[in-house]
Amino acid sequence: MKINKLILFGFFITPYSDASTTMGELPVNDGWHSPQQIFSQHQKTSTNAYRIPAITATTQGTVIAVSDARADGTSDIGLNKDVHFGYRISTDGGNTWSHEQEIIPDIKGKHQISDPAIVHNTDTGSTFLFGFYNDRFITAKPVSNNSDFFMFKSDDGGKTW
């Protein structure tokens, strides 16, 4: 019965949709017309990899892309000796990107920060990057009390944190 209602609903909606309607046109130089690979596995070593990307744009027109940068494949914290943030900056709407820069907090001699989330505050012009630290593999049950949440702040479009 639910399928019949859904099909019937679609039947009534379809005549009112206009396939020629566009939501707006993008400028030719917007940087998003063709796919881009911002982070590339094995670009630094034979085993490095990236996971969990995040991206934001600032009110100054800067685009900041950040990702987990993993030294030894795609394995998780605890199984990978070095998980930190790699980020790249674009000042021309994503057409070109800076060389990768890194944020590597040294916590008790370990580099184990992951899961980036990045936001830009349009009122203050500040950009905030959040991350999670854990010294072991993350499971359904806590395996230690050695975990933390980090926040990094940039007021210059990601040049410094």
Protein backbone atom coordinates (compact mmCIF):
# COMPACT_ATOMS: atom_id res chain seq x y z
CA MET A 1 0.00 0.00 0.00
CA LYS A 2 2.84 2.43 0.79
CA ILE A 3 4.40 1.84 -2.62
CA ASN A 4 1.13 2.67 -4.36
CA LYS A 5 0.85 5.95 -2.45
CA LEU A 6 4.42 6.86 -3.34
CA ILE A 7 3.88 6.13 -7.03
CA LEU A 8 0.63 8.08 -7.02
CA PHE A 9 2.35 11.03 -5.32
CA GLY A 10 5.12 10.94 -7.94
CA PHE A 11 2.52 10.86 -10.71
CA PHE A 12 0.96 14.12 -9.50
CA ILE A 13 4.27 15.89 -8.88
CA THR A 14 5.90 15.00 -12.20
CA PRO A 15 3.72 17.21 -14.45
CA TYR A 16 4.66 20.26 -12.38
CA SER A 17 8.42 19.78 -12.64
CA ASP A 18 10.31 21.47 -15.43
CA ALA A 19 13.54 19.74 -16.44
CA SER A 20 14.75 22.89 -18.21
CA THR A 21 14.66 24.98 -15.02
CA THR A 22 18.11 25.74 -13.59
CA MET A 23 18.97 26.79 -10.09
CA GLY A 24 21.55 29.30 -11.33
CA GLU A 25 24.64 29.35 -13.42
CA LEU A 26 28.12 28.98 -12.05
CA PRO A 27 30.91 31.19 -13.31
CA VAL A 28 33.41 29.42 -15.55
CA ASN A 29 36.29 29.98 -13.12
CA ASP A 30 34.53 28.71 -10.00
CA GLY A 31 36.99 25.82 -9.54
CA TRP A 32 34.29 23.19 -9.31
CA HIS A 33 33.48 22.39 -12.94
CA SER A 34 35.75 19.37 -13.13
CA PRO A 35 36.71 16.97 -10.34
CA GLN A 36 39.87 17.77 -8.46
CA GLN A 37 41.99 15.59 -6.26
CA ILE A 38 43.10 17.80 -3.41
CA PHE A 39 44.79 15.07 -1.38
CA SER A 40 46.56 12.21 -3.11
CA GLN A 41 47.52 8.90 -1.51
CA HIS A 42 51.20 8.00 -1.73
CA GLN A 43 52.19 11.55 -2.68
CA LYS A 44 54.61 11.75 0.26
CA THR A 45 55.56 8.13 0.94
CA SER A 46 54.70 4.71 -0.42
CA THR A 47 52.24 4.15 2.44
CA ASN A 48 50.67 7.52 3.26
CA ALA A 49 46.90 7.89 2.88
CA TYR A 50 44.07 10.32 3.60
CA ARG A 51 40.65 9.86 5.19
CA ILE A 52 37.79 11.97 6.54
CA PRO A 53 38.01 15.22 4.53
CA ALA A 54 36.39 18.50 5.54
CA ILE A 55 36.19 21.84 3.72
CA THR A 56 35.10 25.43 4.38
CA ALA A 57 35.20 28.82 2.70
CA THR A 58 36.02 32.04 4.52
CA THR A 59 34.45 35.46 4.13
CA GLN A 60 37.79 36.59 2.68
CA GLY A 61 37.34 34.12 -0.21
CA THR A 62 39.81 31.49 0.98
CA VAL A 63 38.88 27.81 0.72
CA ILE A 64 40.46 25.48 3.29
CA ALA A 65 40.42 21.70 2.79
CA VAL A 66 41.60 19.46 5.63
CA SER A 67 41.85 15.69 6.00
CA ASP A 68 43.30 13.02 8.22
CA ALA A 69 46.85 12.48 6.98
CA ARG A 70 47.82 8.92 7.85
CA ALA A 71 51.44 7.82 7.62
CA ASP A 72 50.85 4.10 7.34
CA GLY A 73 47.84 3.37 5.13
CA THR A 74 44.21 3.98 6.01
CA SER A 75 44.21 2.16 9.36
CA ASP A 76 42.74 3.85 12.41
CA ILE A 77 44.30 5.46 15.45
CA GLY A 78 46.11 2.87 17.50
CA LEU A 79 46.87 0.79 14.44
CA ASN A 80 48.60 3.66 12.66
CA LYS A 81 51.69 5.24 14.21
CA ASP A 82 50.99 8.73 12.88
CA VAL A 83 47.56 10.25 12.24
CA HIS A 84 47.43 14.04 12.01
CA PHE A 85 45.81 16.78 9.91
CA GLY A 86 46.97 17.75 6.45
CA TYR A 87 45.45 20.85 4.91
CA ARG A 88 45.62 22.85 1.71
CA ILE A 89 44.47 26.40 0.98
CA SER A 90 43.02 27.96 -2.16
CA THR A 91 42.76 31.72 -2.60
CA ASP A 92 41.14 31.58 -6.06
CA GLY A 93 37.95 29.64 -5.42
CA GLY A 94 39.49 26.18 -5.71
CA ASN A 95 41.25 26.60 -9.07
CA THR A 96 44.70 26.15 -7.52
CA TRP A 97 45.83 24.85 -4.13
CA SER A 98 48.80 25.46 -1.84
CA HIS A 99 51.25 22.74 -0.98
CA GLU A 100 50.03 20.55 1.86
CA GLN A 101 50.68 21.87 5.34
CA GLU A 102 50.35 19.85 8.51
CA ILE A 103 49.03 20.20 12.02
CA ILE A 104 50.76 17.58 14.14
CA PRO A 105 50.08 17.94 17.85
CA ASP A 106 52.53 15.93 19.93
CA ILE A 107 50.48 14.47 22.75
CA LYS A 108 52.52 12.39 25.15
CA GLY A 109 54.91 11.54 22.31
CA LYS A 110 52.15 10.35 19.98
CA HIS A 111 50.62 11.82 16.83
CA GLN A 112 47.05 10.57 17.05
CA ILE A 113 44.53 13.27 16.09
CA SER A 114 41.74 12.59 13.60
CA ASP A 115 38.20 13.28 12.41
CA PRO A 116 38.54 16.93 11.34
CA ALA A 117 35.58 19.28 11.33
CA ILE A 118 36.10 22.84 10.08
CA VAL A 119 33.81 25.87 10.27
CA HIS A 120 34.17 29.56 9.55
CA ASN A 121 32.53 32.23 11.70
CA THR A 122 31.33 34.92 9.32
CA ASP A 123 30.75 37.39 12.17
CA THR A 124 34.32 37.31 13.51
CA GLY A 125 36.27 36.09 10.47
CA SER A 126 37.79 33.27 12.52
CA THR A 127 38.05 29.69 11.28
CA PHE A 128 37.86 26.80 13.73
CA LEU A 129 39.24 23.31 13.17
CA PHE A 130 38.20 20.54 15.55
CA GLY A 131 39.75 17.13 16.10
CA PHE A 132 39.66 14.07 18.32
CA TYR A 133 42.65 12.50 20.08
CA ASN A 134 42.80 8.96 21.36
CA ASP A 135 45.88 6.90 22.15
CA ARG A 136 44.39 3.57 21.09
CA PHE A 137 42.08 2.02 18.55
CA ILE A 138 38.58 3.45 18.95
CA THR A 139 36.06 0.74 19.79
CA ALA A 140 32.51 0.61 21.07
CA LYS A 141 33.81 0.55 24.64
CA PRO A 142 36.39 3.00 25.99
CA VAL A 143 39.77 1.31 26.24
CA SER A 144 41.51 4.10 28.13
CA ASN A 145 40.98 7.50 29.65
CA ASN A 146 43.55 9.02 27.30
CA SER A 147 41.32 10.85 24.86
CA ASP A 148 40.61 14.49 24.22
CA PHE A 149 38.92 16.97 21.92
CA PHE A 150 40.96 19.73 20.28
CA MET A 151 40.14 23.08 18.73
CA PHE A 152 42.51 25.10 16.57
CA LYS A 153 41.74 28.69 15.55
CA SER A 154 42.95 30.69 12.57
CA ASP A 155 42.34 34.39 11.98
CA ASP A 156 44.33 34.55 8.73
CA GLY A 157 42.62 32.10 6.39
CA GLY A 158 44.49 29.03 7.63
CA LYS A 159 48.03 30.40 7.30
CA THR A 160 48.57 29.96 11.03
CA TRP A 161 46.65 28.00 13.68
